Amino acid sequence: MRRIIEFALRVYSYVMSIASSLGLLGLAVVAKMSGEADSLVVQALPWKGEELTNWLLGLGIVGLISGAGAAFTKGPLRFLLPLWSVYFAYLMVKGNFLSTTKTFDGPTEFYQTISYVAGLVVSAFASLLQLKKRP
């Protein structure tokens, strides 16, 4: 039973990492292609404008590499997923709940943010299973 739970948590961390990375990449690509990269603002992240777009692009690529590398290889890329997951969860906790610039439009957005960030924190802890040797 323990192996099934560990497997489910591993798959959850892969899916959460890849889905979040695709979201970051999508936001960056849309901003670049529409010419709005200079005016892009994401309250949960500390960057603004073109710098934010470049960070979103970089974070998305690193997240995809770490998620896919952990899911599809048995080699040295597996250690990237815990690093990525913990860093991204830290960014989201800090940006959404410890920042004075973040505001919520209402309780619905607040609860959605709590759900997403809690999912990232669980994914970060689940990604630590990558450091365990697979049978």
Protein backbone atom coordinates (compact mmCIF):
# COMPACT_ATOMS: atom_id res chain seq x y z
CA MET A 1 0.00 0.00 0.00
CA ARG A 2 2.88 2.37 0.81
CA ARG A 3 4.37 1.89 -2.67
CA ILE A 4 1.04 2.78 -4.28
CA ILE A 5 0.80 5.99 -2.26
CA GLU A 6 4.40 6.91 -3.08
CA PHE A 7 3.75 6.27 -6.77
CA ALA A 8 0.60 8.42 -6.68
CA LEU A 9 2.48 11.25 -4.97
CA ARG A 10 5.29 11.03 -7.54
CA VAL A 11 2.82 11.23 -10.42
CA TYR A 12 1.08 14.16 -8.69
CA SER A 13 4.38 16.03 -8.42
CA TYR A 14 5.12 15.39 -12.13
CA VAL A 15 1.68 16.58 -13.22
CA MET A 16 1.71 19.66 -10.97
CA SER A 17 5.20 20.65 -12.12
CA ILE A 18 4.48 20.20 -15.80
CA ALA A 19 1.06 21.89 -15.63
CA SER A 20 2.41 24.90 -13.73
CA SER A 21 5.33 25.18 -16.13
CA LEU A 22 3.04 25.08 -19.15
CA GLY A 23 0.96 27.85 -17.58
CA LEU A 24 4.05 30.00 -17.04
CA LEU A 25 5.27 29.33 -20.58
CA GLY A 26 1.86 30.07 -22.04
CA LEU A 27 1.64 33.39 -20.22
CA ALA A 28 5.12 34.39 -21.37
CA VAL A 29 4.54 33.38 -24.99
CA VAL A 30 1.21 35.21 -25.18
CA ALA A 31 2.78 38.34 -23.67
CA LYS A 32 5.69 38.22 -26.14
CA MET A 33 3.54 37.51 -29.19
CA SER A 34 0.95 40.17 -28.38
CA GLY A 35 3.59 42.83 -27.77
CA GLU A 36 2.37 43.37 -24.21
CA ALA A 37 5.49 42.03 -22.51
CA ASP A 38 6.39 45.53 -21.26
CA SER A 39 3.11 45.95 -19.40
CA LEU A 40 2.74 42.44 -17.95
CA VAL A 41 2.10 42.35 -14.19
CA VAL A 42 1.60 39.30 -11.99
CA GLN A 43 1.04 40.44 -8.41
CA ALA A 44 2.34 37.21 -6.89
CA LEU A 45 5.76 37.56 -8.54
CA PRO A 46 8.33 40.26 -7.73
CA TRP A 47 9.14 41.20 -11.33
CA LYS A 48 7.36 43.50 -13.76
CA GLY A 49 7.20 44.04 -17.51
CA GLU A 50 9.83 42.56 -19.81
CA GLU A 51 11.81 41.18 -16.85
CA LEU A 52 8.71 39.30 -15.66
CA THR A 53 8.15 37.87 -19.13
CA ASN A 54 11.73 36.61 -19.29
CA TRP A 55 11.47 35.08 -15.81
CA LEU A 56 8.18 33.38 -16.73
CA LEU A 57 9.81 31.94 -19.84
CA GLY A 58 12.85 30.74 -17.90
CA LEU A 59 10.85 29.30 -15.00
CA GLY A 60 8.53 27.53 -17.43
CA ILE A 61 11.41 25.93 -19.30
CA VAL A 62 13.20 24.87 -16.11
CA GLY A 63 9.95 23.45 -14.71
CA LEU A 64 9.29 21.45 -17.87
CA ILE A 65 12.82 20.08 -17.94
CA SER A 66 12.70 19.13 -14.26
CA GLY A 67 9.24 17.55 -14.46
CA ALA A 68 9.89 15.64 -17.66
CA GLY A 69 13.41 14.74 -16.56
CA ALA A 70 12.16 13.26 -13.32
CA ALA A 71 9.24 11.47 -14.95
CA PHE A 72 11.03 9.93 -17.92
CA THR A 73 14.63 9.40 -16.85
CA LYS A 74 16.36 7.50 -14.10
CA GLY A 75 19.52 9.58 -14.33
CA PRO A 76 20.81 12.78 -12.83
CA LEU A 77 17.87 14.97 -13.89
CA ARG A 78 15.68 13.52 -11.12
CA PHE A 79 17.16 15.83 -8.48
CA LEU A 80 15.92 18.92 -10.38
CA LEU A 81 12.25 18.28 -9.59
CA PRO A 82 12.55 18.76 -5.81
CA LEU A 83 14.64 21.89 -6.34
CA TRP A 84 12.14 23.33 -8.81
CA SER A 85 9.07 22.37 -6.77
CA VAL A 86 10.36 23.78 -3.49
CA TYR A 87 11.53 27.01 -5.16
CA PHE A 88 8.25 27.54 -7.02
CA ALA A 89 6.16 26.76 -3.92
CA TYR A 90 8.30 29.25 -1.98
CA LEU A 91 7.73 31.91 -4.66
CA MET A 92 3.98 31.37 -4.60
CA VAL A 93 3.66 31.35 -0.78
CA LYS A 94 5.81 34.46 -0.50
CA GLY A 95 4.13 36.29 -3.37
CA ASN A 96 0.55 35.46 -2.48
CA PHE A 97 0.53 35.55 1.32
CA LEU A 98 3.66 37.36 2.54
CA SER A 99 3.61 40.24 0.08
CA THR A 100 1.97 43.58 0.80
CA THR A 101 1.28 44.23 -2.89
CA LYS A 102 -0.96 41.20 -3.51
CA THR A 103 -4.68 41.85 -3.31
CA PHE A 104 -7.62 39.50 -3.80
CA ASP A 105 -10.82 40.49 -5.60
CA GLY A 106 -12.96 38.50 -3.21
CA PRO A 107 -13.28 35.33 -1.21
CA THR A 108 -13.51 33.15 -4.32
CA GLU A 109 -10.13 34.27 -5.63
CA PHE A 110 -8.65 33.93 -2.13
CA TYR A 111 -9.89 30.34 -1.77
CA GLN A 112 -8.69 29.45 -5.27
CA THR A 113 -5.25 30.84 -4.44
CA ILE A 114 -5.15 28.89 -1.18
CA SER A 115 -6.06 25.71 -3.07
CA TYR A 116 -3.41 26.25 -5.73
CA VAL A 117 -0.65 27.14 -3.27
CA ALA A 118 -1.57 24.22 -0.99
CA GLY A 119 -1.36 21.95 -4.03
CA LEU A 120 2.09 23.34 -4.82
CA VAL A 121 3.26 22.77 -1.24
CA VAL A 122 2.00 19.16 -1.30
CA SER A 123 3.69 18.73 -4.67
CA ALA A 124 6.96 20.08 -3.23
CA PHE A 125 6.86 17.57 -0.39
CA ALA A 126 5.87 14.78 -2.79
CA SER A 127 8.73 15.67 -5.10
CA LEU A 128 11.17 14.85 -2.30
CA LEU A 129 10.36 11.21 -3.07
CA GLN A 130 12.56 11.67 -6.16
CA LEU A 131 15.55 11.63 -3.87
CA LYS A 132 14.64 8.12 -2.73
CA LYS A 133 16.11 5.28 -4.73
CA ARG A 134 13.62 3.48 -6.95
CA PRO A 135 13.52 -0.30 -6.76
